[in-house]
Amino acid sequence: MRQLLTGARIFTGETILDGHGLLVGDGRILDILAPGRGTPAVDRSVALEPGDLLAPGFLDIQVNGGGGFLFNAQSTADAALAIAAAHRRFGTTGLLPTVITDTPDCHRAAAAAAVDAVARPGGGVLGIHFEGPFISPQRAGAHDPRFVRAPDDADLEVLCGLPARMPGGRVLLTLAPECVEDAALSRLMAAGVILSVGHTMANAERVVQAFDLGVRGVTHLFNAMPGIANRQPGPAGAALSDGRPWCGLIVDGHHVHPLTMRAALAARPRGRTMLVTDAMPPTGTDAASFELNGRTIHRRDGRLVLGDGTLAGADLDMATAVRNAGSLIGLPLEECLRMASLYPAEFLGMAGERGRIAPGWRADLVLLRPDLTVRGTWVDGDWRAADAG
């Protein structure tokens, strides 16, 4: 069905256009119509609210849960799709359900669930993110240290076979590079697994070696890693001084101080820092707590914490992260939006499909009110109001 969307401003991924129309059909963007052009033949015309903003749908590479579901505890395709549906209310049209450090059986179930969910059109599941278990036990954070371990041949065989089982999907693995040998890193990347540094005690030199090998990302920069010191820059210092990796940033005002985030963005090249939510089951619900590997996580004052105050994911959605990037860091709106769409698309190798509004790209869109709350989304050209659940 060909639809013409008019009335709202359009953010293309580069600039904001006024007075233009957007023609979509068969799940794709067909054209951006400048003022004064004739009206094309369409099946439906949709007049949007003046002052609203059409933008590329948000992409989130780190989503542990939402809508009451936790991917570790409910490692099924239906749970992954329910998590994606919960986050769609907040503008996220594509995400990687994330399974943190757990048993091999849990990880294998999550992998099978992701394969199934990716194959379901319009579901919003883009693949899977394994955050662990090949991490530093000294930087486990809220991960259960019982399950932290080094990879063996069976692990590598499963992970290396997963991209081929998931056509069009993405497999992301967060690991501590000091805990995984170079040969294993190279084998994983050759198989199509995207690697990211995280939950690590590695020194800066080891992290740069990982970047030299082709490791592409840094997971939740500054969190679950040593801070920067004058003679020990650590993983964060390596990330700030090296323009190659993409870095995820949890912009909730709790995980990283706003001044630290500003310093990071000043140091790093534009286009290499992206917003992530690290969201947990309470997103989209009024739940006050949930269980993670037998431990209660409490929702308090905008944070998710263990009983000892350790942060355990984030009480955050992507629309709020976009607003926070403006209010806490002081970024222009266009850059806030790119950090939630274009940059993660580029990190995942999905540029040309997602992250822009341009002819031929996917019709995955978010409609934002003037206050940047979400009115609704299109996924593959299909509309869903945010208040529809």
Protein backbone atom coordinates (compact mmCIF):
# COMPACT_ATOMS: atom_id res chain seq x y z
CA MET A 1 0.00 0.00 0.00
CA ARG A 2 1.30 3.42 -1.00
CA GLN A 3 0.91 6.03 1.74
CA LEU A 4 1.66 9.74 1.70
CA LEU A 5 2.58 11.24 5.07
CA THR A 6 2.28 15.02 5.28
CA GLY A 7 2.23 17.79 7.85
CA ALA A 8 5.12 16.84 10.12
CA ARG A 9 8.72 17.90 9.81
CA ILE A 10 11.10 15.21 8.54
CA PHE A 11 14.54 14.44 9.93
CA THR A 12 16.39 12.63 7.16
CA GLY A 13 19.35 11.58 9.28
CA GLU A 14 21.25 14.69 8.26
CA THR A 15 18.85 17.62 8.31
CA ILE A 16 15.30 18.61 9.28
CA LEU A 17 12.94 19.43 6.42
CA ASP A 18 9.80 21.54 6.71
CA GLY A 19 6.80 21.26 4.42
CA HIS A 20 7.87 18.03 2.75
CA GLY A 21 5.84 14.85 2.27
CA LEU A 22 7.00 11.29 2.66
CA LEU A 23 5.87 8.56 0.28
CA VAL A 24 6.13 4.99 1.56
CA GLY A 25 5.07 1.67 0.09
CA ASP A 26 5.83 -2.04 0.40
CA GLY A 27 7.81 -1.41 3.57
CA ARG A 28 10.17 1.06 1.90
CA ILE A 29 10.56 4.80 1.57
CA LEU A 30 9.71 5.66 -2.01
CA ASP A 31 10.29 9.42 -2.13
CA ILE A 32 10.62 12.65 -0.18
CA LEU A 33 8.38 15.22 -1.83
CA ALA A 34 9.46 18.85 -1.76
CA PRO A 35 6.81 21.60 -1.43
CA GLY A 36 5.09 22.37 -4.70
CA ARG A 37 5.48 18.94 -6.24
CA GLY A 38 2.34 17.30 -7.50
CA THR A 39 0.54 14.74 -5.36
CA PRO A 40 1.38 11.18 -6.49
CA ALA A 41 -1.17 8.42 -6.77
CA VAL A 42 -1.55 6.82 -3.36
CA ASP A 43 -3.84 4.41 -1.56
CA ARG A 44 -3.92 6.53 1.57
CA SER A 45 -2.99 10.05 2.63
CA VAL A 46 -2.14 10.67 6.28
CA ALA A 47 -2.14 14.21 7.69
CA LEU A 48 0.23 14.34 10.66
CA GLU A 49 0.22 16.94 13.40
CA PRO A 50 2.09 20.16 12.55
CA GLY A 51 5.08 20.47 14.84
CA ASP A 52 5.57 16.71 15.08
CA LEU A 53 8.80 15.22 13.76
CA LEU A 54 9.24 12.13 11.58
CA ALA A 55 12.62 10.52 12.22
CA PRO A 56 14.35 7.22 11.49
CA GLY A 57 13.24 4.56 13.95
CA PHE A 58 15.50 4.08 16.94
CA LEU A 59 17.86 1.11 17.13
CA ASP A 60 19.04 -0.33 20.44
CA ILE A 61 21.87 -2.87 20.55
CA GLN A 62 21.59 -3.64 24.27
CA VAL A 63 18.16 -4.59 25.62
CA ASN A 64 17.96 -7.12 28.43
CA GLY A 65 14.20 -6.90 28.80
CA GLY A 66 11.01 -4.89 28.70
CA GLY A 67 7.29 -5.22 29.22
CA GLY A 68 7.92 -7.51 32.20
CA PHE A 69 10.08 -9.94 30.19
CA LEU A 70 13.74 -10.74 30.88
CA PHE A 71 15.53 -12.48 28.01
CA ASN A 72 17.78 -14.47 30.36
CA ALA A 73 14.78 -15.88 32.20
CA GLN A 74 12.48 -16.27 29.19
CA SER A 75 14.75 -17.23 26.31
CA THR A 76 12.05 -17.75 23.68
CA ALA A 77 11.18 -16.09 20.40
CA ASP A 78 7.86 -14.91 21.82
CA ALA A 79 9.65 -13.24 24.74
CA ALA A 80 12.13 -11.55 22.39
CA LEU A 81 9.25 -10.24 20.28
CA ALA A 82 7.38 -9.08 23.40
CA ILE A 83 10.47 -7.16 24.51
CA ALA A 84 10.67 -5.53 21.08
CA ALA A 85 6.96 -4.64 21.24
CA ALA A 86 7.42 -3.03 24.65
CA HIS A 87 10.27 -0.87 23.39
CA ARG A 88 8.43 0.06 20.21
CA ARG A 89 6.17 2.26 22.36
CA PHE A 90 9.30 4.35 22.99
CA GLY A 91 10.37 4.68 19.36
CA THR A 92 12.64 1.64 19.04
CA THR A 93 11.87 -0.12 15.78
CA GLY A 94 14.77 -2.57 15.91
CA LEU A 95 16.82 -4.05 18.74
CA LEU A 96 19.13 -6.81 19.86
CA PRO A 97 17.64 -8.77 22.76
CA THR A 98 20.53 -9.20 25.15
CA VAL A 99 21.39 -12.22 27.26
CA ILE A 100 23.93 -11.58 30.00
CA THR A 101 26.35 -14.06 31.58
CA ASP A 102 24.52 -17.30 32.29
CA THR A 103 24.69 -21.05 31.73
CA PRO A 104 25.59 -22.55 28.33
CA ASP A 105 22.05 -23.94 28.12
CA CYS A 106 20.57 -20.47 28.62
CA HIS A 107 22.78 -19.01 25.90
CA ARG A 108 21.92 -21.78 23.45
CA ALA A 109 18.21 -21.30 24.10
CA ALA A 110 18.56 -17.56 23.57
CA ALA A 111 20.41 -18.16 20.30
CA ALA A 112 17.64 -20.43 19.01
CA ALA A 113 15.02 -17.89 20.10
CA ALA A 114 16.79 -15.10 18.24
CA VAL A 115 17.00 -17.17 15.06
CA ASP A 116 13.24 -17.71 15.22
CA ALA A 117 12.41 -14.10 16.12
CA VAL A 118 14.57 -12.58 13.36
CA ALA A 119 12.68 -14.66 10.81
CA ARG A 120 9.35 -13.12 11.81
CA PRO A 121 8.66 -10.06 9.63
CA GLY A 122 7.95 -6.79 11.39
CA GLY A 123 8.88 -8.10 14.83
CA GLY A 124 11.70 -5.65 15.39
CA VAL A 125 14.26 -8.28 16.49
CA LEU A 126 17.52 -7.70 14.60
CA GLY A 127 19.61 -10.49 16.09
CA ILE A 128 21.11 -11.13 19.52
CA HIS A 129 23.65 -9.61 21.90
CA PHE A 130 25.60 -11.93 24.20
CA GLU A 131 26.92 -9.77 27.02
CA GLY A 132 29.32 -12.32 28.48
CA PRO A 133 30.09 -14.89 29.74
CA PHE A 134 33.70 -14.35 28.58
CA ILE A 135 34.28 -11.37 30.86
CA SER A 136 36.52 -10.41 33.75
CA PRO A 137 35.32 -11.80 37.09
CA GLN A 138 36.69 -8.61 38.63
CA ARG A 139 34.26 -6.53 36.54
CA ALA A 140 31.21 -8.77 36.58
CA GLY A 141 28.98 -6.04 37.99
CA ALA A 142 25.45 -7.48 38.26
CA HIS A 143 26.47 -10.58 36.25
CA ASP A 144 26.50 -13.77 38.28
CA PRO A 145 30.20 -14.63 38.81
CA ARG A 146 29.36 -18.36 38.94
CA PHE A 147 28.88 -18.34 35.18
CA VAL A 148 31.88 -16.23 34.12
CA ARG A 149 34.34 -18.34 32.14
CA ALA A 150 36.71 -18.50 29.20
CA PRO A 151 35.43 -19.80 25.85
CA ASP A 152 36.03 -23.39 24.87
CA ASP A 153 35.81 -25.06 21.45
CA ALA A 154 32.13 -25.89 21.92
CA ASP A 155 31.34 -22.23 22.67
CA LEU A 156 33.22 -21.05 19.62
CA GLU A 157 31.53 -23.61 17.38
CA VAL A 158 28.06 -22.49 18.48
CA LEU A 159 28.83 -18.78 18.16
CA CYS A 160 30.60 -19.09 14.82
CA GLY A 161 27.70 -21.06 13.37
CA LEU A 162 25.06 -18.61 14.51
CA PRO A 163 25.34 -15.85 11.83
CA ALA A 164 24.71 -18.41 9.08
CA ARG A 165 21.57 -19.57 10.91
CA MET A 166 20.27 -16.00 11.09
CA PRO A 167 20.18 -14.52 7.56
CA GLY A 168 20.04 -10.75 7.79
CA GLY A 169 20.43 -10.83 11.58
CA ARG A 170 23.36 -9.68 13.66
CA VAL A 171 25.29 -11.46 16.41
CA LEU A 172 27.05 -9.18 18.89
CA LEU A 173 29.34 -10.51 21.63
CA THR A 174 30.67 -8.42 24.52
CA LEU A 175 33.84 -9.86 26.02
CA ALA A 176 36.93 -8.95 28.01
CA PRO A 177 39.85 -9.10 25.54
CA GLU A 178 42.31 -10.13 28.26
CA CYS A 179 40.21 -13.27 28.79
CA VAL A 180 40.03 -14.40 25.15
CA GLU A 181 42.98 -15.33 22.94
CA ASP A 182 43.63 -13.57 19.65
CA ALA A 183 42.98 -16.75 17.65
CA ALA A 184 39.49 -17.01 19.13
CA LEU A 185 38.77 -13.34 18.47
CA SER A 186 39.81 -13.73 14.84
CA ARG A 187 37.79 -16.90 14.42
CA LEU A 188 34.65 -15.25 15.76
CA MET A 189 35.01 -12.19 13.56
CA ALA A 190 35.73 -14.29 10.46
CA ALA A 191 32.41 -16.04 11.09
CA GLY A 192 30.56 -12.72 11.14
CA VAL A 193 30.25 -12.16 14.90
CA ILE A 194 30.57 -8.48 15.89
CA LEU A 195 32.82 -8.10 18.93
CA SER A 196 32.72 -5.42 21.62
CA VAL A 197 34.97 -4.79 24.62
CA GLY A 198 33.20 -4.74 27.97
CA HIS A 199 33.21 -5.95 31.59
CA THR A 200 36.98 -5.85 31.40
CA MET A 201 40.14 -5.13 33.38
CA ALA A 202 42.32 -5.00 30.25
CA ASN A 203 45.00 -2.36 30.02
CA ALA A 204 44.87 0.16 27.20
CA GLU A 205 47.50 -1.66 25.18
CA ARG A 206 45.47 -4.88 25.12
CA VAL A 207 42.33 -3.01 24.12
CA VAL A 208 44.13 -1.31 21.23
CA GLN A 209 45.41 -4.73 20.15
CA ALA A 210 41.80 -5.89 20.06
CA PHE A 211 40.85 -2.90 17.91
CA ASP A 212 43.78 -3.73 15.60
CA LEU A 213 42.37 -7.23 15.17
CA GLY A 214 38.98 -5.83 14.19
CA VAL A 215 36.96 -5.59 17.42
CA ARG A 216 34.37 -2.95 16.56
CA GLY A 217 32.74 -1.79 19.78
CA VAL A 218 32.96 -0.79 23.43
CA THR A 219 29.97 -1.79 25.55
CA HIS A 220 28.51 0.86 27.90
CA LEU A 221 31.60 3.06 27.94
CA PHE A 222 32.96 3.82 31.45
CA ASN A 223 30.78 1.18 33.12
CA ALA A 224 32.17 -2.23 34.20
CA MET A 225 35.73 -1.11 33.45
CA PRO A 226 38.46 0.80 35.32
CA GLY A 227 38.44 4.57 35.18
CA ILE A 228 41.05 6.66 33.42
CA ALA A 229 44.17 7.41 35.48
CA ASN A 230 47.22 9.45 34.56
CA ARG A 231 49.48 6.44 33.92
CA GLN A 232 46.79 3.81 33.44
CA PRO A 233 44.33 4.96 30.77
CA GLY A 234 42.62 1.56 30.71
CA PRO A 235 39.82 0.55 28.33
CA ALA A 236 38.07 3.92 28.52
CA GLY A 237 41.27 5.80 27.70
CA ALA A 238 41.88 3.49 24.75
CA ALA A 239 38.35 4.10 23.50
CA LEU A 240 38.67 7.88 23.81
CA SER A 241 42.01 7.99 22.01
CA ASP A 242 41.10 5.59 19.18
CA GLY A 243 38.58 6.66 16.58
CA ARG A 244 37.86 3.21 15.18
CA PRO A 245 35.39 1.61 17.63
CA TRP A 246 31.78 2.54 18.20
CA CYS A 247 31.02 3.15 21.88
CA GLY A 248 27.68 2.64 23.60
CA LEU A 249 26.68 5.20 26.22
CA ILE A 250 23.93 4.85 28.83
CA VAL A 251 22.57 8.38 29.13
CA ASP A 252 20.35 8.10 32.18
CA GLY A 253 22.15 10.49 34.51
CA HIS A 254 23.17 7.62 36.80
CA HIS A 255 25.60 5.40 34.91
CA VAL A 256 27.91 8.18 33.70
CA HIS A 257 28.25 11.78 34.93
CA PRO A 258 27.15 14.35 32.32
CA LEU A 259 30.56 16.06 32.36
CA THR A 260 32.24 12.72 31.67
CA MET A 261 29.89 12.13 28.74
CA ARG A 262 30.64 15.59 27.35
CA ALA A 263 34.37 14.95 27.62
CA ALA A 264 34.00 11.62 25.83
CA LEU A 265 32.04 13.14 22.97
CA ALA A 266 34.54 15.97 22.67
CA ALA A 267 37.38 13.46 22.42
CA ARG A 268 35.77 10.98 20.03
CA PRO A 269 35.04 11.46 16.31
CA ARG A 270 31.46 12.25 15.38
CA GLY A 271 29.51 9.15 14.44
CA ARG A 272 31.27 6.70 16.73
CA THR A 273 29.18 7.06 19.90
CA MET A 274 25.67 5.64 20.15
CA LEU A 275 22.91 5.56 22.70
CA VAL A 276 22.02 2.28 24.40
CA THR A 277 19.42 1.66 27.07
CA ASP A 278 20.69 -1.49 28.83
CA ALA A 279 16.98 -1.79 29.65
CA MET A 280 15.49 -4.40 31.95
CA PRO A 281 11.96 -5.89 32.42
CA PRO A 282 10.42 -2.82 34.16
CA THR A 283 10.57 -0.76 30.94
CA GLY A 284 6.98 -0.15 29.90
CA THR A 285 5.59 -1.34 33.25
CA ASP A 286 5.07 -0.01 36.78
CA ALA A 287 6.98 -2.91 38.37
CA ALA A 288 9.01 -2.03 41.46
CA SER A 289 11.38 -5.03 41.26
CA PHE A 290 12.29 -8.18 39.33
CA GLU A 291 14.49 -11.26 39.75
CA LEU A 292 17.85 -11.78 38.04
CA ASN A 293 19.59 -15.13 38.61
CA GLY A 294 17.94 -15.49 41.99
CA ARG A 295 18.70 -11.95 43.13
CA THR A 296 16.14 -9.19 43.54
CA ILE A 297 16.71 -6.03 41.52
CA HIS A 298 15.01 -2.95 42.92
CA ARG A 299 13.64 -0.01 40.94
CA ARG A 300 14.56 3.10 42.91
CA ASP A 301 14.73 6.76 41.91
CA GLY A 302 15.29 6.08 38.24
CA ARG A 303 17.84 3.32 38.86
CA LEU A 304 17.84 -0.48 38.96
CA VAL A 305 20.03 -1.78 41.77
CA LEU A 306 20.94 -4.85 43.76
CA GLY A 307 20.51 -4.70 47.51
CA ASP A 308 24.07 -3.35 47.88
CA GLY A 309 23.42 -0.52 45.41
CA THR A 310 25.20 -2.12 42.42
CA LEU A 311 23.62 -0.94 39.17
CA ALA A 312 21.87 -3.78 37.35
CA GLY A 313 20.93 -2.50 33.93
CA ALA A 314 19.04 0.74 33.46
CA ASP A 315 15.55 2.08 33.98
CA LEU A 316 15.63 3.70 30.56
CA ASP A 317 13.95 3.72 27.16
CA MET A 318 15.42 5.13 23.96
CA ALA A 319 13.11 8.15 23.68
CA THR A 320 14.18 9.20 27.18
CA ALA A 321 17.82 8.61 26.25
CA VAL A 322 17.38 10.93 23.26
CA ARG A 323 15.87 13.63 25.45
CA ASN A 324 18.62 13.16 28.04
CA ALA A 325 21.33 13.50 25.41
CA GLY A 326 20.00 16.99 24.79
CA SER A 327 19.27 18.03 28.37
CA LEU A 328 22.24 16.40 30.14
CA ILE A 329 24.95 16.60 27.49
CA GLY A 330 23.70 19.61 25.52
CA LEU A 331 23.77 17.97 22.10
CA PRO A 332 21.78 19.34 19.15
CA LEU A 333 18.57 17.46 18.40
CA GLU A 334 19.90 16.14 15.11
CA GLU A 335 22.90 14.54 16.83
CA CYS A 336 20.74 13.05 19.58
CA LEU A 337 18.61 11.39 16.92
CA ARG A 338 21.61 10.12 14.95
CA MET A 339 23.02 8.54 18.12
CA ALA A 340 19.78 6.58 18.44
CA SER A 341 19.46 5.50 14.81
CA LEU A 342 22.15 6.15 12.22
CA TYR A 343 25.21 5.37 14.34
CA PRO A 344 23.97 2.04 15.71
CA ALA A 345 22.91 1.11 12.16
CA GLU A 346 26.43 1.80 10.96
CA PHE A 347 27.91 -0.19 13.84
CA LEU A 348 25.74 -3.17 12.94
CA GLY A 349 26.54 -2.89 9.25
CA MET A 350 22.96 -1.94 8.41
CA ALA A 351 23.63 1.42 6.80
CA GLY A 352 21.75 1.53 3.51
CA GLU A 353 18.76 -0.08 5.20
CA ARG A 354 18.24 1.71 8.52
CA GLY A 355 19.09 5.00 10.20
CA ARG A 356 18.04 7.44 7.48
CA ILE A 357 14.93 8.59 5.69
CA ALA A 358 15.83 8.29 2.03
CA PRO A 359 14.40 6.56 -1.05
CA GLY A 360 14.99 2.81 -0.94
CA TRP A 361 15.58 2.64 2.80
CA ARG A 362 13.28 0.73 5.14
CA ALA A 363 10.10 2.48 6.26
CA ASP A 364 10.99 2.08 9.94
CA LEU A 365 10.05 5.45 11.42
CA VAL A 366 9.23 7.16 14.69
CA LEU A 367 6.80 10.07 15.03
CA LEU A 368 7.79 12.42 17.85
CA ARG A 369 5.77 15.15 19.50
CA PRO A 370 7.41 18.56 20.01
CA ASP A 371 8.50 17.44 23.51
CA LEU A 372 10.16 14.35 21.94
CA THR A 373 7.75 11.88 23.43
CA VAL A 374 6.62 9.18 21.02
CA ARG A 375 3.29 9.41 19.23
CA GLY A 376 3.84 6.19 17.29
CA THR A 377 6.02 4.20 14.92
CA TRP A 378 6.05 2.53 11.54
CA VAL A 379 7.84 -0.80 11.12
CA ASP A 380 8.01 -2.01 7.52
CA GLY A 381 5.53 0.77 6.78
CA ASP A 382 2.94 -0.45 9.30
CA TRP A 383 1.75 2.14 11.83
CA ARG A 384 1.28 1.53 15.54
CA ALA A 385 0.32 4.24 18.01
CA ALA A 386 2.47 4.34 21.13
CA ASP A 387 -0.59 4.16 23.38
CA ALA A 388 -1.76 1.00 21.60
CA GLY A 389 0.72 -1.07 23.64
